[in-house]
Amino acid sequence: RDVLGQPESGSAFLVRLQKMVNLLTGAEGEVSLKMKLNAVEWAMFQKVNEGPSISRRLEQMEIAMFGQAQTGAGLADRLNNLLNLMWPGGKIYVGETTIPKGTLVRIELLTGLDSERSQVNDPVTYRIVEDVMIDNQVVIPAGTTGSGHIVAVNAAGRLGQDGLVRVEFGTAPAMDSTPVALQVAERATEQNKSLELAAGASLAGVVLLGPIGLAAGYFVRGRPHVVPVGTVFYTEVARDTKVKSLSLVPTGR
């Protein structure tokens, strides 16, 4: 009833269940309900918000388009009405793309990092701040949020040792909601240097000047490692990942 507007009848339970699976996940060549929703939202707002439920996201788009949520039909028909307004014939072009390992992804921290306060296993959330495109196809849309966690924390210490917070960046959803693993490795580190951002805390050099110099250095405390909420920097795709993408030019699908 929620998805189709009325209960299905005349078919066996498993047939009805498989039809629902095909609609929601895009099985058997179908374009999934979630992919259609992401495409419409991206076209309207130039970003995708994966947080709310499908029904709530659809309501928000209908309010933006019509001034009020539409009623009297199932989610599938309401979504198709929006598709018909966005694309000729209500057809979106879906491509199949591999996001190569090392593809740069620009993110904004939604969780602050602090070597004096953060704890191992604390969750870390972030937002994708610009679309990731491959050959005129949107593979990771702006606006989606990813999540990871802290895997190591070292507070600032004696001998000028700076603090350190190490993060496992986990995954962020692609245009078709496939989870894409992200990390900060060589390519991202180089980009972050160009932005004058630190991809990780550096260690202050300790010069051994003999017993007197070393003893004096013991009282020199390093700097805490602090990355505030709102900091924008680069991560990169951790491994080749196959996704369904939103093509901005006509394809065979």
Protein backbone atom coordinates (compact mmCIF):
# COMPACT_ATOMS: atom_id res chain seq x y z
CA ARG A 1 0.00 0.00 0.00
CA ASP A 2 2.76 2.51 0.87
CA VAL A 3 4.79 1.83 -2.25
CA LEU A 4 2.15 0.94 -4.86
CA GLY A 5 -0.95 2.72 -3.51
CA GLN A 6 -2.91 -0.47 -2.93
CA PRO A 7 -2.21 -4.07 -1.94
CA GLU A 8 -1.32 -6.43 -4.78
CA SER A 9 -3.70 -9.33 -5.36
CA GLY A 10 -3.92 -12.36 -7.60
CA SER A 11 -0.29 -13.42 -7.14
CA ALA A 12 1.47 -15.71 -4.73
CA PHE A 13 3.15 -14.18 -1.71
CA LEU A 14 6.69 -14.82 -2.98
CA VAL A 15 5.90 -13.23 -6.36
CA ARG A 16 4.59 -10.13 -4.64
CA LEU A 17 7.63 -10.03 -2.37
CA GLN A 18 10.02 -10.34 -5.34
CA LYS A 19 8.26 -7.46 -7.10
CA MET A 20 8.80 -5.29 -4.02
CA VAL A 21 12.47 -6.29 -3.87
CA ASN A 22 12.91 -5.39 -7.55
CA LEU A 23 11.36 -1.97 -7.01
CA LEU A 24 13.42 -1.12 -3.95
CA THR A 25 16.80 -2.55 -4.94
CA GLY A 26 16.83 -2.47 -8.73
CA ALA A 27 17.10 -6.25 -9.14
CA GLU A 28 16.60 -7.85 -12.56
CA GLY A 29 17.54 -4.74 -14.52
CA GLU A 30 15.11 -2.37 -12.81
CA VAL A 31 16.23 1.12 -11.76
CA SER A 32 15.76 1.06 -8.01
CA LEU A 33 13.33 3.35 -6.21
CA LYS A 34 16.29 4.67 -4.19
CA MET A 35 18.29 5.46 -7.36
CA LYS A 36 15.33 7.35 -8.84
CA LEU A 37 14.89 9.25 -5.59
CA ASN A 38 18.59 10.16 -5.47
CA ALA A 39 18.49 11.32 -9.10
CA VAL A 40 15.45 13.58 -8.60
CA GLU A 41 16.87 15.04 -5.39
CA TRP A 42 20.22 15.70 -7.08
CA ALA A 43 18.49 17.42 -10.02
CA MET A 44 16.43 19.61 -7.69
CA PHE A 45 18.99 20.55 -5.04
CA GLN A 46 22.38 19.53 -6.53
CA LYS A 47 22.91 17.26 -3.54
CA VAL A 48 21.54 14.05 -2.03
CA ASN A 49 20.38 13.67 1.56
CA GLU A 50 20.54 10.00 2.54
CA GLY A 51 19.46 10.60 6.13
CA PRO A 52 15.64 10.70 6.19
CA SER A 53 13.36 7.86 5.08
CA ILE A 54 12.28 7.50 1.44
CA SER A 55 8.77 8.78 2.23
CA ARG A 56 10.07 11.84 4.10
CA ARG A 57 12.53 12.73 1.34
CA LEU A 58 9.76 12.43 -1.25
CA GLU A 59 7.52 14.72 0.81
CA GLN A 60 10.28 17.34 1.03
CA MET A 61 10.74 17.31 -2.75
CA GLU A 62 6.99 17.55 -3.40
CA ILE A 63 6.72 20.51 -1.04
CA ALA A 64 9.58 22.22 -2.88
CA MET A 65 7.97 21.48 -6.27
CA PHE A 66 4.22 21.81 -5.61
CA GLY A 67 4.00 23.62 -2.28
CA GLN A 68 2.56 20.59 -0.50
CA ALA A 69 3.00 16.84 -0.25
CA GLN A 70 0.95 14.81 -2.74
CA THR A 71 -1.49 12.22 -1.45
CA GLY A 72 -3.75 9.54 -2.88
CA ALA A 73 -1.04 7.54 -4.63
CA GLY A 74 1.79 5.21 -3.69
CA LEU A 75 5.41 6.26 -3.39
CA ALA A 76 6.32 4.73 -6.77
CA ASP A 77 3.70 6.75 -8.70
CA ARG A 78 4.49 9.95 -6.83
CA LEU A 79 8.17 9.53 -7.59
CA ASN A 80 7.44 8.81 -11.25
CA ASN A 81 5.41 12.05 -11.43
CA LEU A 82 8.50 13.97 -10.33
CA LEU A 83 10.65 12.05 -12.80
CA ASN A 84 8.31 13.04 -15.64
CA LEU A 85 8.80 16.69 -14.73
CA MET A 86 12.60 16.36 -14.55
CA TRP A 87 13.43 14.17 -17.56
CA PRO A 88 11.71 13.62 -20.94
CA GLY A 89 9.50 10.58 -20.64
CA GLY A 90 10.45 10.19 -16.99
CA LYS A 91 13.55 8.21 -17.97
CA ILE A 92 16.86 8.66 -16.19
CA TYR A 93 20.03 7.40 -17.78
CA VAL A 94 21.85 4.92 -15.59
CA GLY A 95 25.40 3.84 -16.31
CA GLU A 96 27.58 1.18 -14.74
CA THR A 97 30.92 2.60 -13.66
CA THR A 98 33.96 1.52 -11.69
CA ILE A 99 35.26 4.23 -9.36
CA PRO A 100 39.04 3.71 -9.46
CA LYS A 101 41.08 3.38 -6.31
CA GLY A 102 42.67 6.75 -5.53
CA THR A 103 39.76 8.86 -6.86
CA LEU A 104 39.74 12.06 -4.80
CA VAL A 105 36.66 12.82 -2.68
CA ARG A 106 36.34 16.18 -0.91
CA ILE A 107 34.65 16.02 2.48
CA GLU A 108 33.62 18.31 5.35
CA LEU A 109 34.00 17.09 8.92
CA LEU A 110 30.80 16.98 10.96
CA THR A 111 32.69 15.64 13.98
CA GLY A 112 35.61 17.53 15.52
CA LEU A 113 38.89 15.74 16.28
CA ASP A 114 41.00 16.59 19.33
CA SER A 115 43.99 14.59 20.56
CA GLU A 116 43.27 15.74 24.14
CA ARG A 117 39.59 14.76 24.17
CA SER A 118 38.81 12.23 21.44
CA GLN A 119 38.68 8.54 22.33
CA VAL A 120 39.36 5.38 20.36
CA ASN A 121 36.15 4.09 18.68
CA ASP A 122 34.46 7.51 18.82
CA PRO A 123 32.29 7.85 15.67
CA VAL A 124 33.37 10.34 13.00
CA THR A 125 30.85 11.68 10.47
CA TYR A 126 31.45 13.80 7.40
CA ARG A 127 29.64 15.18 4.37
CA ILE A 128 30.62 14.95 0.69
CA VAL A 129 30.96 18.58 -0.44
CA GLU A 130 31.19 18.22 -4.22
CA ASP A 131 30.05 15.70 -6.81
CA VAL A 132 32.52 13.04 -7.90
CA MET A 133 32.21 12.73 -11.69
CA ILE A 134 33.58 10.15 -14.12
CA ASP A 135 32.95 10.63 -17.87
CA ASN A 136 29.87 12.85 -17.41
CA GLN A 137 28.42 10.49 -14.84
CA VAL A 138 27.72 11.34 -11.20
CA VAL A 139 29.15 8.47 -9.18
CA ILE A 140 29.18 10.03 -5.68
CA PRO A 141 26.77 12.94 -5.18
CA ALA A 142 27.39 15.95 -2.99
CA GLY A 143 25.40 16.13 0.25
CA THR A 144 25.59 12.49 1.28
CA THR A 145 27.15 11.69 4.63
CA GLY A 146 29.75 9.06 5.45
CA SER A 147 30.83 7.62 8.74
CA GLY A 148 33.96 6.12 10.28
CA HIS A 149 35.61 6.01 13.67
CA ILE A 150 38.77 6.91 15.55
CA VAL A 151 41.32 4.10 15.67
CA ALA A 152 44.19 5.75 17.61
CA VAL A 153 44.73 8.79 19.85
CA ASN A 154 48.00 10.08 21.28
CA ALA A 155 47.87 13.17 23.47
CA ALA A 156 50.57 15.83 23.15
CA GLY A 157 53.50 14.94 25.37
CA ARG A 158 56.94 15.87 26.61
CA LEU A 159 59.96 16.32 24.34
CA GLY A 160 57.79 18.34 21.98
CA GLN A 161 55.77 15.34 20.80
CA ASP A 162 52.64 16.57 19.02
CA GLY A 163 49.26 14.97 19.51
CA LEU A 164 47.81 12.53 16.99
CA VAL A 165 44.32 11.40 16.03
CA ARG A 166 44.08 8.60 13.47
CA VAL A 167 40.75 8.02 11.73
CA GLU A 168 39.33 5.10 9.76
CA PHE A 169 36.99 6.96 7.38
CA GLY A 170 34.68 4.01 6.73
CA THR A 171 32.32 4.45 3.78
CA ALA A 172 30.13 7.02 2.04
CA PRO A 173 27.21 6.15 -0.28
CA ALA A 174 27.51 6.35 -4.07
CA MET A 175 24.67 7.60 -6.29
CA ASP A 176 23.04 4.16 -6.11
CA SER A 177 23.71 3.97 -2.34
CA THR A 178 26.56 1.46 -2.74
CA PRO A 179 29.01 2.01 0.15
CA VAL A 180 32.37 3.36 -1.08
CA ALA A 181 35.36 2.96 1.24
CA LEU A 182 37.42 6.13 1.78
CA GLN A 183 40.86 6.75 3.24
CA VAL A 184 43.57 9.39 3.43
CA ALA A 185 46.53 8.02 1.49
CA GLU A 186 49.18 9.40 -0.87
CA ARG A 187 47.01 11.29 -3.39
CA ALA A 188 44.76 12.84 -0.73
CA THR A 189 47.77 13.79 1.39
CA GLU A 190 49.36 15.65 -1.54
CA GLN A 191 46.11 17.54 -2.22
CA ASN A 192 45.76 18.42 1.44
CA LYS A 193 49.29 19.81 1.52
CA SER A 194 48.37 22.10 -1.35
CA LEU A 195 45.43 23.33 0.75
CA GLU A 196 47.78 23.91 3.68
CA LEU A 197 45.93 21.27 5.66
CA ALA A 198 47.52 18.49 7.68
CA ALA A 199 46.33 15.04 6.70
CA GLY A 200 47.85 13.78 9.95
CA ALA A 201 49.71 15.20 12.90
CA SER A 202 53.44 15.66 12.41
CA LEU A 203 56.01 14.90 15.06
CA ALA A 204 58.24 17.73 16.21
CA GLY A 205 61.90 16.89 15.75
CA VAL A 206 63.80 16.10 18.93
CA VAL A 207 67.43 17.14 18.71
CA LEU A 208 69.63 15.36 21.23
CA LEU A 209 72.00 17.99 22.55
CA GLY A 210 73.53 15.83 25.24
CA PRO A 211 72.18 15.29 28.76
CA ILE A 212 71.61 19.00 29.46
CA GLY A 213 69.79 19.67 26.21
CA LEU A 214 67.68 16.54 26.52
CA ALA A 215 66.70 17.33 30.09
CA ALA A 216 65.68 20.84 29.08
CA GLY A 217 63.70 19.47 26.13
CA TYR A 218 61.70 17.20 28.41
CA PHE A 219 59.73 20.18 29.63
CA VAL A 220 58.80 21.32 26.10
CA ARG A 221 55.27 20.05 25.46
CA GLY A 222 54.07 19.31 21.94
CA ARG A 223 50.99 20.79 20.30
CA PRO A 224 47.55 19.16 20.52
CA HIS A 225 46.15 17.86 17.24
CA VAL A 226 42.82 19.61 16.68
CA VAL A 227 40.69 19.46 13.51
CA PRO A 228 37.44 21.44 14.08
CA VAL A 229 33.97 20.75 12.74
CA GLY A 230 33.60 22.27 9.26
CA THR A 231 37.16 21.53 8.13
CA VAL A 232 37.19 20.63 4.43
CA PHE A 233 39.85 18.32 3.01
CA TYR A 234 40.41 15.43 0.63
CA THR A 235 40.04 11.70 1.09
CA GLU A 236 40.37 9.09 -1.64
CA VAL A 237 38.61 5.90 -2.68
CA ALA A 238 40.28 2.96 -0.97
CA ARG A 239 39.59 0.30 -3.62
CA ASP A 240 38.04 -0.07 -7.08
CA THR A 241 34.27 -0.01 -6.58
CA LYS A 242 31.54 -0.85 -9.12
CA VAL A 243 28.45 1.38 -8.90
CA LYS A 244 25.44 2.48 -10.91
CA SER A 245 25.84 6.12 -11.81
CA LEU A 246 23.60 8.93 -13.02
CA SER A 247 24.62 9.69 -16.59
CA LEU A 248 24.21 13.27 -17.78
CA VAL A 249 24.23 12.16 -21.43
CA PRO A 250 21.95 9.55 -23.04
CA THR A 251 23.03 5.91 -22.68
CA GLY A 252 21.58 2.62 -23.79
CA ARG A 253 19.77 2.19 -20.46
